[in-house]
Amino acid sequence: MSAETPDPLDGFDATIHAPNRLRICALLDTAGEAEFGLVQQQLDLSASVLSKHVTVLMDAGYVEQRKAVRDTRQRVWLRLTRQGRDAYRGHLAALRAIVGPSDPAA
């Protein structure tokens, strides 16, 4: 790769690559914002497993949470930060570079 052409593998992000964190980022990229319980249900994860992965993503600056009361209960909504969305999309580009172009005829 020349100095002018960035290496697409530079976008590979080990923090996002863990399967559950990749699934969380994919869901939040599509949804924009989602309530913790919905993410838990959609990904079929226990609250503790989801919480651990969300904490890793928050510590990296990729996910933020918003807390509010709804139906007299404290709820938590999750969303990707701009940094998180950029990192997720860069990671997808790196994965595509690794596997190469898909051949629909194959």
PDB file of N, CA and C in Angstrom:
ATOM      1  N   MET A   1       0.846  -1.183   0.000  1.00  0.00           N
ATOM      2  CA  MET A   1       0.000   0.000   0.000  1.00  0.00           C
ATOM      3  C   MET A   1       0.890   1.244   0.000  1.00  0.00           C
ATOM      4  N   SER A   2       0.511   2.197  -0.790  1.00  0.00           N
ATOM      5  CA  SER A   2       1.267   3.440  -0.816  1.00  0.00           C
ATOM      6  C   SER A   2       0.846   4.308   0.362  1.00  0.00           C
ATOM      7  N   ALA A   3       1.620   5.348   0.605  1.00  0.00           N
ATOM      8  CA  ALA A   3       1.310   6.252   1.712  1.00  0.00           C
ATOM      9  C   ALA A   3      -0.005   6.982   1.466  1.00  0.00           C
ATOM     10  N   GLU A   4      -0.399   7.120   0.179  1.00  0.00           N
ATOM     11  CA  GLU A   4      -1.630   7.848  -0.137  1.00  0.00           C
ATOM     12  C   GLU A   4      -2.879   6.974   0.002  1.00  0.00           C
ATOM     13  N   THR A   5      -2.711   5.668  -0.137  1.00  0.00           N
ATOM     14  CA  THR A   5      -3.851   4.759  -0.059  1.00  0.00           C
ATOM     15  C   THR A   5      -3.889   4.130   1.324  1.00  0.00           C
ATOM     16  N   PRO A   6      -4.910   4.454   2.117  1.00  0.00           N
ATOM     17  CA  PRO A   6      -4.967   3.864   3.453  1.00  0.00           C
ATOM     18  C   PRO A   6      -5.237   2.366   3.363  1.00  0.00           C
ATOM     19  N   ASP A   7      -4.651   1.631   4.252  1.00  0.00           N
ATOM     20  CA  ASP A   7      -4.859   0.185   4.327  1.00  0.00           C
ATOM     21  C   ASP A   7      -6.218  -0.065   4.970  1.00  0.00           C
ATOM     22  N   PRO A   8      -7.143  -0.737   4.264  1.00  0.00           N
ATOM     23  CA  PRO A   8      -8.467  -0.971   4.854  1.00  0.00           C
ATOM     24  C   PRO A   8      -8.399  -1.804   6.131  1.00  0.00           C
ATOM     25  N   LEU A   9      -7.324  -2.556   6.299  1.00  0.00           N
ATOM     26  CA  LEU A   9      -7.188  -3.353   7.518  1.00  0.00           C
ATOM     27  C   LEU A   9      -6.906  -2.486   8.732  1.00  0.00           C
ATOM     28  N   ASP A  10      -6.527  -1.221   8.510  1.00  0.00           N
ATOM     29  CA  ASP A  10      -6.331  -0.307   9.639  1.00  0.00           C
ATOM     30  C   ASP A  10      -7.628  -0.127  10.426  1.00  0.00           C
ATOM     31  N   GLY A  11      -8.773  -0.368   9.794  1.00  0.00           N
ATOM     32  CA  GLY A  11     -10.053  -0.219  10.463  1.00  0.00           C
ATOM     33  C   GLY A  11     -10.445  -1.399  11.322  1.00  0.00           C
ATOM     34  N   PHE A  12      -9.662  -2.490  11.259  1.00  0.00           N
ATOM     35  CA  PHE A  12      -9.989  -3.663  12.070  1.00  0.00           C
ATOM     36  C   PHE A  12      -9.923  -3.271  13.539  1.00  0.00           C
ATOM     37  N   ASP A  13     -10.972  -3.565  14.280  1.00  0.00           N
ATOM     38  CA  ASP A  13     -11.071  -3.137  15.674  1.00  0.00           C
ATOM     39  C   ASP A  13     -11.354  -4.349  16.563  1.00  0.00           C
ATOM     40  N   ALA A  14     -10.350  -4.771  17.326  1.00  0.00           N
ATOM     41  CA  ALA A  14     -10.497  -5.952  18.183  1.00  0.00           C
ATOM     42  C   ALA A  14     -11.571  -5.766  19.245  1.00  0.00           C
ATOM     43  N   THR A  15     -11.813  -4.532  19.656  1.00  0.00           N
ATOM     44  CA  THR A  15     -12.866  -4.275  20.655  1.00  0.00           C
ATOM     45  C   THR A  15     -14.227  -4.614  20.071  1.00  0.00           C
ATOM     46  N   ILE A  16     -14.469  -4.228  18.850  1.00  0.00           N
ATOM     47  CA  ILE A  16     -15.761  -4.489  18.202  1.00  0.00           C
ATOM     48  C   ILE A  16     -15.850  -5.931  17.714  1.00  0.00           C
ATOM     49  N   HIS A  17     -14.730  -6.543  17.376  1.00  0.00           N
ATOM     50  CA  HIS A  17     -14.729  -7.842  16.710  1.00  0.00           C
ATOM     51  C   HIS A  17     -15.340  -8.976  17.537  1.00  0.00           C
ATOM     52  N   ALA A  18     -15.302  -8.895  18.852  1.00  0.00           N
ATOM     53  CA  ALA A  18     -15.907  -9.949  19.675  1.00  0.00           C
ATOM     54  C   ALA A  18     -17.359 -10.126  19.224  1.00  0.00           C
ATOM     55  N   PRO A  19     -17.794 -11.358  18.982  1.00  0.00           N
ATOM     56  CA  PRO A  19     -19.108 -11.578  18.360  1.00  0.00           C
ATOM     57  C   PRO A  19     -20.276 -10.817  18.993  1.00  0.00           C
ATOM     58  N   ASN A  20     -20.408 -10.843  20.299  1.00  0.00           N
ATOM     59  CA  ASN A  20     -21.544 -10.147  20.913  1.00  0.00           C
ATOM     60  C   ASN A  20     -21.424  -8.630  20.765  1.00  0.00           C
ATOM     61  N   ARG A  21     -20.207  -8.097  20.850  1.00  0.00           N
ATOM     62  CA  ARG A  21     -20.047  -6.651  20.676  1.00  0.00           C
ATOM     63  C   ARG A  21     -20.314  -6.248  19.229  1.00  0.00           C
ATOM     64  N   LEU A  22     -19.926  -7.093  18.287  1.00  0.00           N
ATOM     65  CA  LEU A  22     -20.217  -6.832  16.880  1.00  0.00           C
ATOM     66  C   LEU A  22     -21.733  -6.817  16.661  1.00  0.00           C
ATOM     67  N   ARG A  23     -22.439  -7.740  17.269  1.00  0.00           N
ATOM     68  CA  ARG A  23     -23.903  -7.805  17.138  1.00  0.00           C
ATOM     69  C   ARG A  23     -24.560  -6.586  17.786  1.00  0.00           C
ATOM     70  N   ILE A  24     -24.046  -6.154  18.929  1.00  0.00           N
ATOM     71  CA  ILE A  24     -24.584  -4.957  19.598  1.00  0.00           C
ATOM     72  C   ILE A  24     -24.415  -3.746  18.679  1.00  0.00           C
ATOM     73  N   CYS A  25     -23.212  -3.580  18.133  1.00  0.00           N
ATOM     74  CA  CYS A  25     -22.952  -2.440  17.243  1.00  0.00           C
ATOM     75  C   CYS A  25     -23.832  -2.495  16.005  1.00  0.00           C
ATOM     76  N   ALA A  26     -24.014  -3.681  15.435  1.00  0.00           N
ATOM     77  CA  ALA A  26     -24.854  -3.829  14.245  1.00  0.00           C
ATOM     78  C   ALA A  26     -26.288  -3.422  14.555  1.00  0.00           C
ATOM     79  N   LEU A  27     -26.808  -3.863  15.682  1.00  0.00           N
ATOM     80  CA  LEU A  27     -28.180  -3.520  16.060  1.00  0.00           C
ATOM     81  C   LEU A  27     -28.317  -2.018  16.280  1.00  0.00           C
ATOM     82  N   LEU A  28     -27.369  -1.430  17.015  1.00  0.00           N
ATOM     83  CA  LEU A  28     -27.455   0.003  17.310  1.00  0.00           C
ATOM     84  C   LEU A  28     -27.213   0.857  16.069  1.00  0.00           C
ATOM     85  N   ASP A  29     -26.391   0.383  15.152  1.00  0.00           N
ATOM     86  CA  ASP A  29     -26.170   1.132  13.908  1.00  0.00           C
ATOM     87  C   ASP A  29     -27.468   1.201  13.113  1.00  0.00           C
ATOM     88  N   THR A  30     -28.210   0.133  13.109  1.00  0.00           N
ATOM     89  CA  THR A  30     -29.480   0.080  12.383  1.00  0.00           C
ATOM     90  C   THR A  30     -30.586   0.830  13.123  1.00  0.00           C
ATOM     91  N   ALA A  31     -30.671   0.622  14.429  1.00  0.00           N
ATOM     92  CA  ALA A  31     -31.777   1.179  15.216  1.00  0.00           C
ATOM     93  C   ALA A  31     -31.577   2.643  15.585  1.00  0.00           C
ATOM     94  N   GLY A  32     -30.347   3.077  15.677  1.00  0.00           N
ATOM     95  CA  GLY A  32     -30.075   4.437  16.155  1.00  0.00           C
ATOM     96  C   GLY A  32     -29.984   4.464  17.668  1.00  0.00           C
ATOM     97  N   GLU A  33     -31.060   4.078  18.325  1.00  0.00           N
ATOM     98  CA  GLU A  33     -31.095   3.997  19.792  1.00  0.00           C
ATOM     99  C   GLU A  33     -32.040   2.854  20.141  1.00  0.00           C
ATOM    100  N   ALA A  34     -31.689   2.091  21.168  1.00  0.00           N
ATOM    101  CA  ALA A  34     -32.534   0.971  21.575  1.00  0.00           C
ATOM    102  C   ALA A  34     -32.490   0.816  23.087  1.00  0.00           C
ATOM    103  N   GLU A  35     -33.621   0.438  23.634  1.00  0.00           N
ATOM    104  CA  GLU A  35     -33.720   0.209  25.077  1.00  0.00           C
ATOM    105  C   GLU A  35     -32.953  -1.072  25.418  1.00  0.00           C
ATOM    106  N   PHE A  36     -32.257  -1.062  26.552  1.00  0.00           N
ATOM    107  CA  PHE A  36     -31.408  -2.169  26.982  1.00  0.00           C
ATOM    108  C   PHE A  36     -32.151  -3.502  26.894  1.00  0.00           C
ATOM    109  N   GLY A  37     -33.377  -3.540  27.408  1.00  0.00           N
ATOM    110  CA  GLY A  37     -34.152  -4.783  27.403  1.00  0.00           C
ATOM    111  C   GLY A  37     -34.439  -5.290  26.006  1.00  0.00           C
ATOM    112  N   LEU A  38     -34.658  -4.379  25.069  1.00  0.00           N
ATOM    113  CA  LEU A  38     -34.899  -4.777  23.683  1.00  0.00           C
ATOM    114  C   LEU A  38     -33.635  -5.370  23.070  1.00  0.00           C
ATOM    115  N   VAL A  39     -32.495  -4.734  23.324  1.00  0.00           N
ATOM    116  CA  VAL A  39     -31.216  -5.260  22.830  1.00  0.00           C
ATOM    117  C   VAL A  39     -30.992  -6.654  23.412  1.00  0.00           C
ATOM    118  N   GLN A  40     -31.252  -6.791  24.700  1.00  0.00           N
ATOM    119  CA  GLN A  40     -31.094  -8.084  25.380  1.00  0.00           C
ATOM    120  C   GLN A  40     -31.975  -9.141  24.714  1.00  0.00           C
ATOM    121  N   GLN A  41     -33.218  -8.792  24.448  1.00  0.00           N
ATOM    122  CA  GLN A  41     -34.164  -9.725  23.832  1.00  0.00           C
ATOM    123  C   GLN A  41     -33.766 -10.054  22.391  1.00  0.00           C
ATOM    124  N   GLN A  42     -33.441  -9.040  21.608  1.00  0.00           N
ATOM    125  CA  GLN A  42     -33.095  -9.246  20.198  1.00  0.00           C
ATOM    126  C   GLN A  42     -31.857 -10.119  20.026  1.00  0.00           C
ATOM    127  N   LEU A  43     -30.886  -9.948  20.922  1.00  0.00           N
ATOM    128  CA  LEU A  43     -29.627 -10.695  20.801  1.00  0.00           C
ATOM    129  C   LEU A  43     -29.612 -11.963  21.640  1.00  0.00           C
ATOM    130  N   ASP A  44     -30.696 -12.191  22.401  1.00  0.00           N
ATOM    131  CA  ASP A  44     -30.826 -13.376  23.245  1.00  0.00           C
ATOM    132  C   ASP A  44     -29.626 -13.523  24.196  1.00  0.00           C
ATOM    133  N   LEU A  45     -29.367 -12.436  24.930  1.00  0.00           N
ATOM    134  CA  LEU A  45     -28.269 -12.412  25.896  1.00  0.00           C
ATOM    135  C   LEU A  45     -28.831 -12.187  27.294  1.00  0.00           C
ATOM    136  N   SER A  46     -28.138 -12.683  28.290  1.00  0.00           N
ATOM    137  CA  SER A  46     -28.527 -12.375  29.664  1.00  0.00           C
ATOM    138  C   SER A  46     -28.186 -10.909  29.935  1.00  0.00           C
ATOM    139  N   ALA A  47     -28.849 -10.335  30.912  1.00  0.00           N
ATOM    140  CA  ALA A  47     -28.580  -8.940  31.269  1.00  0.00           C
ATOM    141  C   ALA A  47     -27.123  -8.754  31.670  1.00  0.00           C
ATOM    142  N   SER A  48     -26.559  -9.713  32.403  1.00  0.00           N
ATOM    143  CA  SER A  48     -25.175  -9.555  32.857  1.00  0.00           C
ATOM    144  C   SER A  48     -24.189  -9.616  31.692  1.00  0.00           C
ATOM    145  N   VAL A  49     -24.410 -10.515  30.741  1.00  0.00           N
ATOM    146  CA  VAL A  49     -23.511 -10.610  29.577  1.00  0.00           C
ATOM    147  C   VAL A  49     -23.617  -9.337  28.741  1.00  0.00           C
ATOM    148  N   LEU A  50     -24.849  -8.889  28.480  1.00  0.00           N
ATOM    149  CA  LEU A  50     -25.020  -7.657  27.712  1.00  0.00           C
ATOM    150  C   LEU A  50     -24.367  -6.486  28.428  1.00  0.00           C
ATOM    151  N   SER A  51     -24.561  -6.386  29.723  1.00  0.00           N
ATOM    152  CA  SER A  51     -23.995  -5.292  30.503  1.00  0.00           C
ATOM    153  C   SER A  51     -22.464  -5.272  30.411  1.00  0.00           C
ATOM    154  N   LYS A  52     -21.841  -6.438  30.493  1.00  0.00           N
ATOM    155  CA  LYS A  52     -20.376  -6.506  30.400  1.00  0.00           C
ATOM    156  C   LYS A  52     -19.888  -6.025  29.040  1.00  0.00           C
ATOM    157  N   HIS A  53     -20.558  -6.447  27.979  1.00  0.00           N
ATOM    158  CA  HIS A  53     -20.143  -6.029  26.636  1.00  0.00           C
ATOM    159  C   HIS A  53     -20.404  -4.546  26.416  1.00  0.00           C
ATOM    160  N   VAL A  54     -21.524  -4.051  26.903  1.00  0.00           N
ATOM    161  CA  VAL A  54     -21.827  -2.623  26.776  1.00  0.00           C
ATOM    162  C   VAL A  54     -20.789  -1.801  27.534  1.00  0.00           C
ATOM    163  N   THR A  55     -20.372  -2.272  28.692  1.00  0.00           N
ATOM    164  CA  THR A  55     -19.354  -1.561  29.475  1.00  0.00           C
ATOM    165  C   THR A  55     -18.050  -1.453  28.700  1.00  0.00           C
ATOM    166  N   VAL A  56     -17.641  -2.526  28.034  1.00  0.00           N
ATOM    167  CA  VAL A  56     -16.417  -2.488  27.211  1.00  0.00           C
ATOM    168  C   VAL A  56     -16.574  -1.457  26.100  1.00  0.00           C
ATOM    169  N   LEU A  57     -17.735  -1.459  25.443  1.00  0.00           N
ATOM    170  CA  LEU A  57     -17.977  -0.506  24.356  1.00  0.00           C
ATOM    171  C   LEU A  57     -18.051   0.928  24.879  1.00  0.00           C
ATOM    172  N   MET A  58     -18.618   1.123  26.049  1.00  0.00           N
ATOM    173  CA  MET A  58     -18.679   2.468  26.645  1.00  0.00           C
ATOM    174  C   MET A  58     -17.284   2.939  27.029  1.00  0.00           C
ATOM    175  N   ASP A  59     -16.487   2.051  27.623  1.00  0.00           N
ATOM    176  CA  ASP A  59     -15.120   2.418  28.014  1.00  0.00           C
ATOM    177  C   ASP A  59     -14.281   2.820  26.806  1.00  0.00           C
ATOM    178  N   ALA A  60     -14.588   2.242  25.642  1.00  0.00           N
ATOM    179  CA  ALA A  60     -13.876   2.580  24.410  1.00  0.00           C
ATOM    180  C   ALA A  60     -14.423   3.864  23.773  1.00  0.00           C
ATOM    181  N   GLY A  61     -15.533   4.368  24.313  1.00  0.00           N
ATOM    182  CA  GLY A  61     -16.148   5.571  23.755  1.00  0.00           C
ATOM    183  C   GLY A  61     -17.068   5.286  22.584  1.00  0.00           C
ATOM    184  N   TYR A  62     -17.451   4.024  22.392  1.00  0.00           N
ATOM    185  CA  TYR A  62     -18.253   3.619  21.239  1.00  0.00           C
ATOM    186  C   TYR A  62     -19.756   3.642  21.491  1.00  0.00           C
ATOM    187  N   VAL A  63     -20.168   3.482  22.728  1.00  0.00           N
ATOM    188  CA  VAL A  63     -21.593   3.440  23.074  1.00  0.00           C
ATOM    189  C   VAL A  63     -21.827   4.394  24.230  1.00  0.00           C
ATOM    190  N   GLU A  64     -22.985   5.034  24.202  1.00  0.00           N
ATOM    191  CA  GLU A  64     -23.397   5.848  25.337  1.00  0.00           C
ATOM    192  C   GLU A  64     -24.786   5.414  25.751  1.00  0.00           C
ATOM    193  N   GLN A  65     -25.101   5.685  26.994  1.00  0.00           N
ATOM    194  CA  GLN A  65     -26.424   5.315  27.487  1.00  0.00           C
ATOM    195  C   GLN A  65     -27.164   6.539  27.993  1.00  0.00           C
ATOM    196  N   ARG A  66     -28.452   6.445  27.902  1.00  0.00           N
ATOM    197  CA  ARG A  66     -29.341   7.487  28.401  1.00  0.00           C
ATOM    198  C   ARG A  66     -30.323   6.808  29.329  1.00  0.00           C
ATOM    199  N   LYS A  67     -30.436   7.354  30.545  1.00  0.00           N
ATOM    200  CA  LYS A  67     -31.356   6.781  31.531  1.00  0.00           C
ATOM    201  C   LYS A  67     -32.557   7.697  31.686  1.00  0.00           C
ATOM    202  N   ALA A  68     -33.726   7.081  31.786  1.00  0.00           N
ATOM    203  CA  ALA A  68     -34.956   7.840  31.986  1.00  0.00           C
ATOM    204  C   ALA A  68     -35.985   6.917  32.630  1.00  0.00           C
ATOM    205  N   VAL A  69     -36.965   7.521  33.241  1.00  0.00           N
ATOM    206  CA  VAL A  69     -38.042   6.744  33.855  1.00  0.00           C
ATOM    207  C   VAL A  69     -39.162   6.591  32.833  1.00  0.00           C
ATOM    208  N   ARG A  70     -39.608   5.368  32.666  1.00  0.00           N
ATOM    209  CA  ARG A  70     -40.746   5.082  31.802  1.00  0.00           C
ATOM    210  C   ARG A  70     -41.597   4.029  32.494  1.00  0.00           C
ATOM    211  N   ASP A  71     -42.891   4.262  32.569  1.00  0.00           N
ATOM    212  CA  ASP A  71     -43.798   3.345  33.258  1.00  0.00           C
ATOM    213  C   ASP A  71     -43.339   3.105  34.702  1.00  0.00           C
ATOM    214  N   THR A  72     -42.941   4.170  35.354  1.00  0.00           N
ATOM    215  CA  THR A  72     -42.472   4.184  36.756  1.00  0.00           C
ATOM    216  C   THR A  72     -41.212   3.347  36.991  1.00  0.00           C
ATOM    217  N   ARG A  73     -40.532   2.947  35.923  1.00  0.00           N
ATOM    218  CA  ARG A  73     -39.292   2.170  36.078  1.00  0.00           C
ATOM    219  C   ARG A  73     -38.153   2.877  35.364  1.00  0.00           C
ATOM    220  N   GLN A  74     -36.980   2.753  35.951  1.00  0.00           N
ATOM    221  CA  GLN A  74     -35.773   3.302  35.332  1.00  0.00           C
ATOM    222  C   GLN A  74     -35.443   2.468  34.099  1.00  0.00           C
ATOM    223  N   ARG A  75     -35.277   3.119  32.960  1.00  0.00           N
ATOM    224  CA  ARG A  75     -34.925   2.439  31.713  1.00  0.00           C
ATOM    225  C   ARG A  75     -33.601   2.993  31.206  1.00  0.00           C
ATOM    226  N   VAL A  76     -32.900   2.160  30.465  1.00  0.00           N
ATOM    227  CA  VAL A  76     -31.623   2.562  29.880  1.00  0.00           C
ATOM    228  C   VAL A  76     -31.710   2.371  28.375  1.00  0.00           C
ATOM    229  N   TRP A  77     -31.399   3.427  27.644  1.00  0.00           N
ATOM    230  CA  TRP A  77     -31.334   3.362  26.190  1.00  0.00           C
ATOM    231  C   TRP A  77     -29.872   3.437  25.771  1.00  0.00           C
ATOM    232  N   LEU A  78     -29.530   2.679  24.750  1.00  0.00           N
ATOM    233  CA  LEU A  78     -28.162   2.616  24.248  1.00  0.00           C
ATOM    234  C   LEU A  78     -28.114   3.165  22.833  1.00  0.00           C
ATOM    235  N   ARG A  79     -26.996   3.802  22.520  1.00  0.00           N
ATOM    236  CA  ARG A  79     -26.781   4.266  21.146  1.00  0.00           C
ATOM    237  C   ARG A  79     -25.287   4.321  20.876  1.00  0.00           C
ATOM    238  N   LEU A  80     -24.937   4.175  19.593  1.00  0.00           N
ATOM    239  CA  LEU A  80     -23.545   4.338  19.201  1.00  0.00           C
ATOM    240  C   LEU A  80     -23.191   5.819  19.224  1.00  0.00           C
ATOM    241  N   THR A  81     -21.999   6.136  19.655  1.00  0.00           N
ATOM    242  CA  THR A  81     -21.487   7.496  19.528  1.00  0.00           C
ATOM    243  C   THR A  81     -21.005   7.663  18.087  1.00  0.00           C
ATOM    244  N   ARG A  82     -20.681   8.877  17.695  1.00  0.00           N
ATOM    245  CA  ARG A  82     -20.114   9.088  16.351  1.00  0.00           C
ATOM    246  C   ARG A  82     -18.836   8.270  16.212  1.00  0.00           C
ATOM    247  N   GLN A  83     -18.005   8.285  17.249  1.00  0.00           N
ATOM    248  CA  GLN A  83     -16.766   7.504  17.233  1.00  0.00           C
ATOM    249  C   GLN A  83     -17.086   6.011  17.087  1.00  0.00           C
ATOM    250  N   GLY A  84     -18.107   5.545  17.780  1.00  0.00           N
ATOM    251  CA  GLY A  84     -18.499   4.148  17.700  1.00  0.00           C
ATOM    252  C   GLY A  84     -19.010   3.760  16.325  1.00  0.00           C
ATOM    253  N   ARG A  85     -19.825   4.630  15.739  1.00  0.00           N
ATOM    254  CA  ARG A  85     -20.357   4.364  14.396  1.00  0.00           C
ATOM    255  C   ARG A  85     -19.213   4.323  13.380  1.00  0.00           C
ATOM    256  N   ASP A  86     -18.273   5.274  13.480  1.00  0.00           N
ATOM    257  CA  ASP A  86     -17.125   5.281  12.580  1.00  0.00           C
ATOM    258  C   ASP A  86     -16.277   4.023  12.762  1.00  0.00           C
ATOM    259  N   ALA A  87     -16.050   3.626  14.013  1.00  0.00           N
ATOM    260  CA  ALA A  87     -15.245   2.434  14.291  1.00  0.00           C
ATOM    261  C   ALA A  87     -15.945   1.181  13.775  1.00  0.00           C
ATOM    262  N   TYR A  88     -17.255   1.085  13.986  1.00  0.00           N
ATOM    263  CA  TYR A  88     -18.019  -0.071  13.515  1.00  0.00           C
ATOM    264  C   TYR A  88     -17.966  -0.159  11.989  1.00  0.00           C
ATOM    265  N   ARG A  89     -18.205   0.932  11.317  1.00  0.00           N
ATOM    266  CA  ARG A  89     -18.197   0.919   9.851  1.00  0.00           C
ATOM    267  C   ARG A  89     -16.797   0.671   9.295  1.00  0.00           C
ATOM    268  N   GLY A  90     -15.779   1.199   9.978  1.00  0.00           N
ATOM    269  CA  GLY A  90     -14.403   0.912   9.579  1.00  0.00           C
ATOM    270  C   GLY A  90     -14.068  -0.561   9.762  1.00  0.00           C
ATOM    271  N   HIS A  91     -14.592  -1.146  10.836  1.00  0.00           N
ATOM    272  CA  HIS A  91     -14.369  -2.574  11.089  1.00  0.00           C
ATOM    273  C   HIS A  91     -15.041  -3.414  10.000  1.00  0.00           C
ATOM    274  N   LEU A  92     -16.263  -3.047   9.623  1.00  0.00           N
ATOM    275  CA  LEU A  92     -16.943  -3.769   8.540  1.00  0.00           C
ATOM    276  C   LEU A  92     -16.141  -3.689   7.242  1.00  0.00           C
ATOM    277  N   ALA A  93     -15.605  -2.504   6.941  1.00  0.00           N
ATOM    278  CA  ALA A  93     -14.795  -2.340   5.733  1.00  0.00           C
ATOM    279  C   ALA A  93     -13.553  -3.231   5.801  1.00  0.00           C
ATOM    280  N   ALA A  94     -12.940  -3.324   6.970  1.00  0.00           N
ATOM    281  CA  ALA A  94     -11.760  -4.175   7.137  1.00  0.00           C
ATOM    282  C   ALA A  94     -12.126  -5.644   6.941  1.00  0.00           C
ATOM    283  N   LEU A  95     -13.264  -6.059   7.490  1.00  0.00           N
ATOM    284  CA  LEU A  95     -13.696  -7.447   7.306  1.00  0.00           C
ATOM    285  C   LEU A  95     -13.950  -7.744   5.828  1.00  0.00           C
ATOM    286  N   ARG A  96     -14.561  -6.803   5.128  1.00  0.00           N
ATOM    287  CA  ARG A  96     -14.797  -6.993   3.692  1.00  0.00           C
ATOM    288  C   ARG A  96     -13.476  -7.090   2.938  1.00  0.00           C
ATOM    289  N   ALA A  97     -12.482  -6.303   3.338  1.00  0.00           N
ATOM    290  CA  ALA A  97     -11.167  -6.359   2.692  1.00  0.00           C
ATOM    291  C   ALA A  97     -10.500  -7.716   2.950  1.00  0.00           C
ATOM    292  N   ILE A  98     -10.711  -8.262   4.136  1.00  0.00           N
ATOM    293  CA  ILE A  98     -10.109  -9.553   4.480  1.00  0.00           C
ATOM    294  C   ILE A  98     -10.728 -10.675   3.649  1.00  0.00           C
ATOM    295  N   VAL A  99     -12.051 -10.698   3.531  1.00  0.00           N
ATOM    296  CA  VAL A  99     -12.715 -11.798   2.835  1.00  0.00           C
ATOM    297  C   VAL A  99     -12.745 -11.600   1.324  1.00  0.00           C
ATOM    298  N   GLY A 100     -12.489 -10.377   0.872  1.00  0.00           N
ATOM    299  CA  GLY A 100     -12.465 -10.120  -0.549  1.00  0.00           C
ATOM    300  C   GLY A 100     -13.863  -9.901  -1.103  1.00  0.00           C
ATOM    301  N   PRO A 101     -13.929  -9.550  -2.366  1.00  0.00           N
ATOM    302  CA  PRO A 101     -15.248  -9.296  -2.969  1.00  0.00           C
ATOM    303  C   PRO A 101     -16.054 -10.577  -3.041  1.00  0.00           C
ATOM    304  N   SER A 102     -17.356 -10.415  -2.824  1.00  0.00           N
ATOM    305  CA  SER A 102     -18.220 -11.595  -2.911  1.00  0.00           C
ATOM    306  C   SER A 102     -18.573 -11.846  -4.368  1.00  0.00           C
ATOM    307  N   ASP A 103     -18.713 -13.100  -4.686  1.00  0.00           N
ATOM    308  CA  ASP A 103     -19.065 -13.499  -6.041  1.00  0.00           C
ATOM    309  C   ASP A 103     -20.480 -14.070  -5.998  1.00  0.00           C
ATOM    310  N   PRO A 104     -21.470 -13.304  -6.491  1.00  0.00           N
ATOM    311  CA  PRO A 104     -22.846 -13.781  -6.406  1.00  0.00           C
ATOM    312  C   PRO A 104     -23.083 -15.052  -7.215  1.00  0.00           C
ATOM    313  N   ALA A 105     -22.227 -15.350  -8.194  1.00  0.00           N
ATOM    314  CA  ALA A 105     -22.391 -16.546  -9.004  1.00  0.00           C
ATOM    315  C   ALA A 105     -21.858 -17.799  -8.316  1.00  0.00           C
ATOM    316  N   ALA A 106     -21.093 -17.591  -7.235  1.00  0.00           N
ATOM    317  CA  ALA A 106     -20.481 -18.737  -6.548  1.00  0.00           C
ATOM    318  C   ALA A 106     -21.478 -19.530  -5.769  1.00  0.00           C
TER     319      ALA A 106
END
